[in-house]
Protein backbone atom coordinates (compact mmCIF):
# COMPACT_ATOMS: atom_id res chain seq x y z
CA MET A 1 38.53 60.38 -21.08
CA ILE A 2 39.27 57.87 -18.48
CA TYR A 3 36.38 57.65 -15.64
CA LYS A 4 37.21 56.77 -12.14
CA LEU A 5 35.66 53.53 -10.78
CA VAL A 6 33.40 53.81 -7.02
CA PHE A 7 31.86 50.38 -6.04
CA ASP A 8 28.76 50.89 -3.54
CA ASP A 9 29.50 48.82 -0.61
CA LYS A 10 26.47 46.56 -1.38
CA VAL A 11 28.10 45.55 -4.42
CA ILE A 12 31.07 43.79 -3.00
CA LYS A 13 28.58 41.71 -1.06
CA ASP A 14 26.52 40.98 -4.26
CA PHE A 15 29.21 40.35 -6.39
CA LYS A 16 30.77 37.51 -3.96
CA LYS A 17 27.74 35.60 -4.61
CA ILE A 18 28.16 35.22 -8.41
CA ASP A 19 30.12 32.71 -9.92
CA SER A 20 33.66 33.45 -10.52
CA SER A 21 33.93 32.83 -14.04
CA TRP A 22 31.24 35.48 -14.46
CA GLN A 23 32.97 37.50 -11.99
CA LYS A 24 35.66 37.61 -14.21
CA LYS A 25 33.49 38.81 -17.06
CA ILE A 26 31.97 41.24 -15.57
CA LEU A 27 35.18 42.81 -14.26
CA LYS A 28 36.62 42.64 -17.99
CA VAL A 29 33.45 44.59 -19.30
CA ILE A 30 33.75 47.35 -16.52
CA GLN A 31 37.21 48.00 -16.38
CA GLY A 32 37.39 48.25 -20.26
CA LYS A 33 34.50 49.48 -21.71
CA LEU A 34 32.09 51.17 -18.79
CA ILE A 35 35.52 53.35 -17.36
CA GLN A 36 36.24 54.49 -20.90
CA THR A 37 32.83 55.15 -22.31
CA PRO A 38 30.30 55.14 -19.63
CA TYR A 39 27.40 55.91 -21.58
CA ILE A 40 27.58 52.64 -23.67
CA GLY A 41 24.56 51.32 -21.00
CA LYS A 42 20.94 51.80 -21.75
CA LYS A 43 19.66 54.74 -19.33
CA LEU A 44 16.85 54.09 -16.85
CA VAL A 45 13.06 55.66 -16.59
CA GLY A 46 10.80 56.40 -13.88
CA ASP A 47 12.29 56.30 -10.37
CA LEU A 48 15.44 54.99 -11.53
CA SER A 49 16.11 57.62 -13.77
CA PRO A 50 19.55 58.85 -12.46
CA PHE A 51 21.20 55.21 -13.52
CA TYR A 52 22.18 53.35 -16.65
CA ARG A 53 22.51 49.49 -17.09
CA LEU A 54 24.98 47.14 -18.94
CA ARG A 55 24.16 43.70 -19.79
CA VAL A 56 26.76 41.09 -19.11
CA GLY A 57 25.19 38.29 -20.03
CA ASP A 58 22.17 37.14 -17.88
CA TYR A 59 23.61 39.82 -15.21
CA TRP A 60 22.84 43.41 -15.14
CA ILE A 61 25.41 46.23 -14.01
CA VAL A 62 23.13 49.25 -12.49
CA TYR A 63 25.53 52.56 -12.23
CA SER A 64 25.73 56.11 -12.15
CA ILE A 65 27.68 58.98 -14.38
CA GLU A 66 29.35 61.77 -12.41
CA ASP A 67 30.59 63.59 -15.38
CA SER A 68 32.13 66.69 -13.59
CA LEU A 69 34.23 64.65 -11.43
CA LEU A 70 34.62 61.84 -14.05
CA ILE A 71 33.32 59.09 -11.55
CA VAL A 72 31.38 56.18 -12.40
CA THR A 73 29.55 54.58 -9.22
CA ILE A 74 28.50 51.00 -9.63
CA ILE A 75 25.06 50.46 -7.67
CA LYS A 76 24.54 47.11 -8.24
CA VAL A 77 25.52 43.64 -9.97
CA ARG A 78 22.95 41.17 -10.25
CA HIS A 79 21.08 38.59 -11.95
CA ARG A 80 18.51 40.21 -14.28
CA LYS A 81 15.87 38.29 -12.49
CA SER A 82 16.41 40.45 -8.71
CA VAL A 83 18.27 43.29 -10.13
CA TYR A 84 15.56 45.76 -9.47
CA ARG A 85 14.58 44.04 -5.97
């Protein structure tokens, strides 16, 4: 099954701050692997338990999955040092 992608408004703003070469790599992973197999990422714990993360180089993609609607919502795309702030 192919999932539909939804981007949080803040993701677009954060994404523009990332180097263009990394933007391409991140988009390739999101549009390739993530929409086909969203459970490829690691499930987060604690307060972040409804979310998953997927690493692309030094960047983390934080997202949620709504199976009933076949939607993957991208919450954050940031460098690993600042992703949980």
